Amino acid sequence: MRLRNFLVGHQLTLADAMLVSVISVCFELVFDKKTRKSTIPNLARYTQILLQMPPFLAVFGSVVFCKDALTP
């Protein structure tokens, strides 16, 4: 079984760029390590893979996922 790393097909598309640009802030501030591991492991893997790609690094820089969720 091959892992799917993109939303549509087998290459980066605008759909991937839009999704990651919106949810990257959530991973920085809200989705703590426990949530990423237990609730959304596939979304976390997908986001991490894309954020390490050169086009995303050029725009976002190095995104650090939060350890603890930000509380209001």
PDB file of N, CA and C in Angstrom:
ATOM      1  N   MET A   1       0.833  -1.182   0.000  1.00  0.00           N
ATOM      2  CA  MET A   1       0.000   0.000   0.000  1.00  0.00           C
ATOM      3  C   MET A   1       0.879   1.246   0.000  1.00  0.00           C
ATOM      4  N   ARG A   2       0.621   2.157  -0.904  1.00  0.00           N
ATOM      5  CA  ARG A   2       1.389   3.393  -0.996  1.00  0.00           C
ATOM      6  C   ARG A   2       0.680   4.493  -0.221  1.00  0.00           C
ATOM      7  N   LEU A   3       1.470   5.283   0.480  1.00  0.00           N
ATOM      8  CA  LEU A   3       0.900   6.410   1.210  1.00  0.00           C
ATOM      9  C   LEU A   3       0.569   7.533   0.239  1.00  0.00           C
ATOM     10  N   ARG A   4      -0.537   8.198   0.518  1.00  0.00           N
ATOM     11  CA  ARG A   4      -0.917   9.356  -0.282  1.00  0.00           C
ATOM     12  C   ARG A   4      -0.427  10.595   0.443  1.00  0.00           C
ATOM     13  N   ASN A   5       0.376  11.383  -0.227  1.00  0.00           N
ATOM     14  CA  ASN A   5       0.931  12.579   0.387  1.00  0.00           C
ATOM     15  C   ASN A   5       0.256  13.856  -0.085  1.00  0.00           C
ATOM     16  N   PHE A   6      -0.681  13.755  -1.011  1.00  0.00           N
ATOM     17  CA  PHE A   6      -1.354  14.934  -1.546  1.00  0.00           C
ATOM     18  C   PHE A   6      -2.851  14.686  -1.602  1.00  0.00           C
ATOM     19  N   LEU A   7      -3.624  15.760  -1.624  1.00  0.00           N
ATOM     20  CA  LEU A   7      -5.078  15.625  -1.646  1.00  0.00           C
ATOM     21  C   LEU A   7      -5.587  15.078  -2.972  1.00  0.00           C
ATOM     22  N   VAL A   8      -5.000  15.566  -4.065  1.00  0.00           N
ATOM     23  CA  VAL A   8      -5.458  15.180  -5.398  1.00  0.00           C
ATOM     24  C   VAL A   8      -4.270  14.639  -6.179  1.00  0.00           C
ATOM     25  N   GLY A   9      -4.321  13.407  -6.551  1.00  0.00           N
ATOM     26  CA  GLY A   9      -3.256  12.835  -7.362  1.00  0.00           C
ATOM     27  C   GLY A   9      -1.979  12.589  -6.578  1.00  0.00           C
ATOM     28  N   HIS A  10      -0.858  12.669  -7.294  1.00  0.00           N
ATOM     29  CA  HIS A  10       0.433  12.336  -6.706  1.00  0.00           C
ATOM     30  C   HIS A  10       1.427  13.476  -6.776  1.00  0.00           C
ATOM     31  N   GLN A  11       0.904  14.700  -6.866  1.00  0.00           N
ATOM     32  CA  GLN A  11       1.785  15.855  -6.859  1.00  0.00           C
ATOM     33  C   GLN A  11       1.095  17.023  -6.170  1.00  0.00           C
ATOM     34  N   LEU A  12       1.877  18.006  -5.797  1.00  0.00           N
ATOM     35  CA  LEU A  12       1.384  19.184  -5.101  1.00  0.00           C
ATOM     36  C   LEU A  12       0.408  19.951  -5.989  1.00  0.00           C
ATOM     37  N   THR A  13      -0.739  20.338  -5.411  1.00  0.00           N
ATOM     38  CA  THR A  13      -1.728  21.112  -6.148  1.00  0.00           C
ATOM     39  C   THR A  13      -2.116  22.332  -5.327  1.00  0.00           C
ATOM     40  N   LEU A  14      -2.919  23.195  -5.926  1.00  0.00           N
ATOM     41  CA  LEU A  14      -3.406  24.376  -5.232  1.00  0.00           C
ATOM     42  C   LEU A  14      -4.239  23.986  -4.011  1.00  0.00           C
ATOM     43  N   ALA A  15      -4.951  22.874  -4.075  1.00  0.00           N
ATOM     44  CA  ALA A  15      -5.745  22.398  -2.934  1.00  0.00           C
ATOM     45  C   ALA A  15      -4.845  22.140  -1.725  1.00  0.00           C
ATOM     46  N   ASP A  16      -3.699  21.527  -1.940  1.00  0.00           N
ATOM     47  CA  ASP A  16      -2.755  21.276  -0.853  1.00  0.00           C
ATOM     48  C   ASP A  16      -2.239  22.595  -0.278  1.00  0.00           C
ATOM     49  N   ALA A  17      -1.865  23.502  -1.142  1.00  0.00           N
ATOM     50  CA  ALA A  17      -1.334  24.792  -0.697  1.00  0.00           C
ATOM     51  C   ALA A  17      -2.358  25.568   0.118  1.00  0.00           C
ATOM     52  N   MET A  18      -3.603  25.573  -0.319  1.00  0.00           N
ATOM     53  CA  MET A  18      -4.646  26.297   0.400  1.00  0.00           C
ATOM     54  C   MET A  18      -4.896  25.667   1.770  1.00  0.00           C
ATOM     55  N   LEU A  19      -5.016  24.354   1.820  1.00  0.00           N
ATOM     56  CA  LEU A  19      -5.294  23.688   3.089  1.00  0.00           C
ATOM     57  C   LEU A  19      -4.167  23.925   4.087  1.00  0.00           C
ATOM     58  N   VAL A  20      -2.949  23.720   3.676  1.00  0.00           N
ATOM     59  CA  VAL A  20      -1.816  23.872   4.588  1.00  0.00           C
ATOM     60  C   VAL A  20      -1.658  25.328   5.023  1.00  0.00           C
ATOM     61  N   SER A  21      -1.915  26.261   4.142  1.00  0.00           N
ATOM     62  CA  SER A  21      -1.792  27.668   4.527  1.00  0.00           C
ATOM     63  C   SER A  21      -2.821  28.049   5.582  1.00  0.00           C
ATOM     64  N   VAL A  22      -3.969  27.419   5.574  1.00  0.00           N
ATOM     65  CA  VAL A  22      -5.014  27.722   6.559  1.00  0.00           C
ATOM     66  C   VAL A  22      -4.759  26.996   7.881  1.00  0.00           C
ATOM     67  N   ILE A  23      -4.391  25.731   7.828  1.00  0.00           N
ATOM     68  CA  ILE A  23      -4.292  24.969   9.075  1.00  0.00           C
ATOM     69  C   ILE A  23      -2.926  25.034   9.751  1.00  0.00           C
ATOM     70  N   SER A  24      -1.922  25.594   9.094  1.00  0.00           N
ATOM     71  CA  SER A  24      -0.597  25.652   9.726  1.00  0.00           C
ATOM     72  C   SER A  24      -0.622  26.441  11.027  1.00  0.00           C
ATOM     73  N   VAL A  25      -1.424  27.474  11.092  1.00  0.00           N
ATOM     74  CA  VAL A  25      -1.537  28.266  12.317  1.00  0.00           C
ATOM     75  C   VAL A  25      -2.149  27.427  13.437  1.00  0.00           C
ATOM     76  N   CYS A  26      -3.089  26.578  13.107  1.00  0.00           N
ATOM     77  CA  CYS A  26      -3.701  25.695  14.115  1.00  0.00           C
ATOM     78  C   CYS A  26      -2.661  24.759  14.716  1.00  0.00           C
ATOM     79  N   PHE A  27      -1.754  24.278  13.901  1.00  0.00           N
ATOM     80  CA  PHE A  27      -0.714  23.385  14.407  1.00  0.00           C
ATOM     81  C   PHE A  27       0.293  24.140  15.265  1.00  0.00           C
ATOM     82  N   GLU A  28       0.483  25.408  14.993  1.00  0.00           N
ATOM     83  CA  GLU A  28       1.403  26.214  15.798  1.00  0.00           C
ATOM     84  C   GLU A  28       0.803  26.607  17.145  1.00  0.00           C
ATOM     85  N   LEU A  29      -0.524  26.778  17.206  1.00  0.00           N
ATOM     86  CA  LEU A  29      -1.144  27.334  18.407  1.00  0.00           C
ATOM     87  C   LEU A  29      -2.109  26.418  19.146  1.00  0.00           C
ATOM     88  N   VAL A  30      -2.830  25.558  18.449  1.00  0.00           N
ATOM     89  CA  VAL A  30      -3.956  24.843  19.065  1.00  0.00           C
ATOM     90  C   VAL A  30      -3.763  23.333  19.150  1.00  0.00           C
ATOM     91  N   PHE A  31      -3.334  22.703  18.090  1.00  0.00           N
ATOM     92  CA  PHE A  31      -3.233  21.241  18.066  1.00  0.00           C
ATOM     93  C   PHE A  31      -1.974  20.791  18.801  1.00  0.00           C
ATOM     94  N   ASP A  32      -2.128  20.459  20.068  1.00  0.00           N
ATOM     95  CA  ASP A  32      -0.982  20.031  20.863  1.00  0.00           C
ATOM     96  C   ASP A  32      -0.558  18.614  20.477  1.00  0.00           C
ATOM     97  N   LYS A  33       0.526  18.176  21.069  1.00  0.00           N
ATOM     98  CA  LYS A  33       1.102  16.870  20.711  1.00  0.00           C
ATOM     99  C   LYS A  33       0.107  15.729  20.936  1.00  0.00           C
ATOM    100  N   LYS A  34      -0.625  15.770  22.033  1.00  0.00           N
ATOM    101  CA  LYS A  34      -1.600  14.715  22.340  1.00  0.00           C
ATOM    102  C   LYS A  34      -2.703  14.673  21.290  1.00  0.00           C
ATOM    103  N   THR A  35      -3.214  15.815  20.912  1.00  0.00           N
ATOM    104  CA  THR A  35      -4.268  15.895  19.894  1.00  0.00           C
ATOM    105  C   THR A  35      -3.761  15.396  18.553  1.00  0.00           C
ATOM    106  N   ARG A  36      -2.569  15.821  18.183  1.00  0.00           N
ATOM    107  CA  ARG A  36      -1.998  15.387  16.900  1.00  0.00           C
ATOM    108  C   ARG A  36      -1.832  13.876  16.857  1.00  0.00           C
ATOM    109  N   LYS A  37      -1.400  13.296  17.953  1.00  0.00           N
ATOM    110  CA  LYS A  37      -1.131  11.854  17.979  1.00  0.00           C
ATOM    111  C   LYS A  37      -2.406  11.017  18.051  1.00  0.00           C
ATOM    112  N   SER A  38      -3.383  11.463  18.855  1.00  0.00           N
ATOM    113  CA  SER A  38      -4.560  10.627  19.076  1.00  0.00           C
ATOM    114  C   SER A  38      -5.724  10.923  18.143  1.00  0.00           C
ATOM    115  N   THR A  39      -5.918  12.178  17.779  1.00  0.00           N
ATOM    116  CA  THR A  39      -7.112  12.561  17.037  1.00  0.00           C
ATOM    117  C   THR A  39      -6.871  12.759  15.542  1.00  0.00           C
ATOM    118  N   ILE A  40      -5.760  13.397  15.194  1.00  0.00           N
ATOM    119  CA  ILE A  40      -5.529  13.749  13.785  1.00  0.00           C
ATOM    120  C   ILE A  40      -4.130  13.337  13.303  1.00  0.00           C
ATOM    121  N   PRO A  41      -3.748  12.080  13.490  1.00  0.00           N
ATOM    122  CA  PRO A  41      -2.381  11.706  13.103  1.00  0.00           C
ATOM    123  C   PRO A  41      -2.122  11.820  11.596  1.00  0.00           C
ATOM    124  N   ASN A  42      -3.090  11.504  10.769  1.00  0.00           N
ATOM    125  CA  ASN A  42      -2.875  11.580   9.321  1.00  0.00           C
ATOM    126  C   ASN A  42      -2.769  13.026   8.850  1.00  0.00           C
ATOM    127  N   LEU A  43      -3.592  13.906   9.397  1.00  0.00           N
ATOM    128  CA  LEU A  43      -3.522  15.325   9.044  1.00  0.00           C
ATOM    129  C   LEU A  43      -2.203  15.918   9.525  1.00  0.00           C
ATOM    130  N   ALA A  44      -1.735  15.507  10.689  1.00  0.00           N
ATOM    131  CA  ALA A  44      -0.456  15.989  11.203  1.00  0.00           C
ATOM    132  C   ALA A  44       0.697  15.539  10.307  1.00  0.00           C
ATOM    133  N   ARG A  45       0.674  14.278   9.893  1.00  0.00           N
ATOM    134  CA  ARG A  45       1.725  13.758   8.999  1.00  0.00           C
ATOM    135  C   ARG A  45       1.715  14.501   7.671  1.00  0.00           C
ATOM    136  N   TYR A  46       0.534  14.668   7.109  1.00  0.00           N
ATOM    137  CA  TYR A  46       0.364  15.371   5.837  1.00  0.00           C
ATOM    138  C   TYR A  46       0.892  16.807   5.936  1.00  0.00           C
ATOM    139  N   THR A  47       0.498  17.509   6.991  1.00  0.00           N
ATOM    140  CA  THR A  47       0.917  18.898   7.167  1.00  0.00           C
ATOM    141  C   THR A  47       2.418  19.001   7.345  1.00  0.00           C
ATOM    142  N   GLN A  48       2.987  18.107   8.142  1.00  0.00           N
ATOM    143  CA  GLN A  48       4.422  18.130   8.376  1.00  0.00           C
ATOM    144  C   GLN A  48       5.203  17.858   7.087  1.00  0.00           C
ATOM    145  N   ILE A  49       4.750  16.917   6.296  1.00  0.00           N
ATOM    146  CA  ILE A  49       5.426  16.606   5.034  1.00  0.00           C
ATOM    147  C   ILE A  49       5.407  17.815   4.105  1.00  0.00           C
ATOM    148  N   LEU A  50       4.245  18.441   3.960  1.00  0.00           N
ATOM    149  CA  LEU A  50       4.146  19.577   3.063  1.00  0.00           C
ATOM    150  C   LEU A  50       4.928  20.789   3.551  1.00  0.00           C
ATOM    151  N   LEU A  51       4.914  21.045   4.848  1.00  0.00           N
ATOM    152  CA  LEU A  51       5.629  22.203   5.379  1.00  0.00           C
ATOM    153  C   LEU A  51       7.139  22.058   5.258  1.00  0.00           C
ATOM    154  N   GLN A  52       7.634  20.845   5.005  1.00  0.00           N
ATOM    155  CA  GLN A  52       9.061  20.622   4.815  1.00  0.00           C
ATOM    156  C   GLN A  52       9.485  20.733   3.347  1.00  0.00           C
ATOM    157  N   MET A  53       8.512  20.910   2.457  1.00  0.00           N
ATOM    158  CA  MET A  53       8.831  21.048   1.035  1.00  0.00           C
ATOM    159  C   MET A  53       9.369  22.455   0.759  1.00  0.00           C
ATOM    160  N   PRO A  54      10.321  22.590  -0.178  1.00  0.00           N
ATOM    161  CA  PRO A  54      10.936  23.892  -0.450  1.00  0.00           C
ATOM    162  C   PRO A  54       9.959  25.043  -0.723  1.00  0.00           C
ATOM    163  N   PRO A  55       8.877  24.856  -1.497  1.00  0.00           N
ATOM    164  CA  PRO A  55       7.974  25.998  -1.713  1.00  0.00           C
ATOM    165  C   PRO A  55       7.337  26.503  -0.415  1.00  0.00           C
ATOM    166  N   PHE A  56       7.012  25.599   0.491  1.00  0.00           N
ATOM    167  CA  PHE A  56       6.406  26.000   1.757  1.00  0.00           C
ATOM    168  C   PHE A  56       7.445  26.597   2.697  1.00  0.00           C
ATOM    169  N   LEU A  57       8.652  26.056   2.693  1.00  0.00           N
ATOM    170  CA  LEU A  57       9.713  26.618   3.519  1.00  0.00           C
ATOM    171  C   LEU A  57      10.028  28.053   3.100  1.00  0.00           C
ATOM    172  N   ALA A  58       9.967  28.316   1.798  1.00  0.00           N
ATOM    173  CA  ALA A  58      10.243  29.659   1.309  1.00  0.00           C
ATOM    174  C   ALA A  58       9.202  30.672   1.785  1.00  0.00           C
ATOM    175  N   VAL A  59       7.964  30.239   1.917  1.00  0.00           N
ATOM    176  CA  VAL A  59       6.880  31.148   2.317  1.00  0.00           C
ATOM    177  C   VAL A  59       6.711  31.188   3.831  1.00  0.00           C
ATOM    178  N   PHE A  60       6.630  30.039   4.474  1.00  0.00           N
ATOM    179  CA  PHE A  60       6.316  29.961   5.901  1.00  0.00           C
ATOM    180  C   PHE A  60       7.544  29.911   6.800  1.00  0.00           C
ATOM    181  N   GLY A  61       8.691  29.577   6.242  1.00  0.00           N
ATOM    182  CA  GLY A  61       9.853  29.345   7.079  1.00  0.00           C
ATOM    183  C   GLY A  61       9.682  28.025   7.812  1.00  0.00           C
ATOM    184  N   SER A  62      10.402  27.875   8.883  1.00  0.00           N
ATOM    185  CA  SER A  62      10.318  26.648   9.664  1.00  0.00           C
ATOM    186  C   SER A  62       9.174  26.773  10.668  1.00  0.00           C
ATOM    187  N   VAL A  63       8.108  26.010  10.459  1.00  0.00           N
ATOM    188  CA  VAL A  63       6.945  26.028  11.342  1.00  0.00           C
ATOM    189  C   VAL A  63       7.175  25.018  12.464  1.00  0.00           C
ATOM    190  N   VAL A  64       7.022  25.481  13.696  1.00  0.00           N
ATOM    191  CA  VAL A  64       7.202  24.623  14.864  1.00  0.00           C
ATOM    192  C   VAL A  64       5.829  24.304  15.439  1.00  0.00           C
ATOM    193  N   PHE A  65       5.509  23.017  15.504  1.00  0.00           N
ATOM    194  CA  PHE A  65       4.231  22.594  16.078  1.00  0.00           C
ATOM    195  C   PHE A  65       4.267  22.819  17.590  1.00  0.00           C
ATOM    196  N   CYS A  66       3.135  23.229  18.160  1.00  0.00           N
ATOM    197  CA  CYS A  66       3.075  23.528  19.585  1.00  0.00           C
ATOM    198  C   CYS A  66       3.117  22.254  20.424  1.00  0.00           C
ATOM    199  N   LYS A  67       3.664  22.385  21.641  1.00  0.00           N
ATOM    200  CA  LYS A  67       3.681  21.268  22.582  1.00  0.00           C
ATOM    201  C   LYS A  67       2.399  21.273  23.402  1.00  0.00           C
ATOM    202  N   ASP A  68       1.980  22.464  23.813  1.00  0.00           N
ATOM    203  CA  ASP A  68       0.754  22.630  24.604  1.00  0.00           C
ATOM    204  C   ASP A  68      -0.158  23.616  23.893  1.00  0.00           C
ATOM    205  N   ALA A  69      -1.449  23.348  23.897  1.00  0.00           N
ATOM    206  CA  ALA A  69      -2.411  24.229  23.245  1.00  0.00           C
ATOM    207  C   ALA A  69      -2.449  25.579  23.936  1.00  0.00           C
ATOM    208  N   LEU A  70      -2.596  26.608  23.152  1.00  0.00           N
ATOM    209  CA  LEU A  70      -2.738  27.960  23.671  1.00  0.00           C
ATOM    210  C   LEU A  70      -4.109  28.095  24.294  1.00  0.00           C
ATOM    211  N   THR A  71      -4.190  28.604  25.510  1.00  0.00           N
ATOM    212  CA  THR A  71      -5.481  28.782  26.161  1.00  0.00           C
ATOM    213  C   THR A  71      -5.822  30.258  26.208  1.00  0.00           C
ATOM    214  N   PRO A  72      -7.089  30.593  25.936  1.00  0.00           N
ATOM    215  CA  PRO A  72      -7.479  32.016  25.931  1.00  0.00           C
ATOM    216  C   PRO A  72      -7.516  32.616  27.333  1.00  0.00           C
TER     217      PRO A  72
END
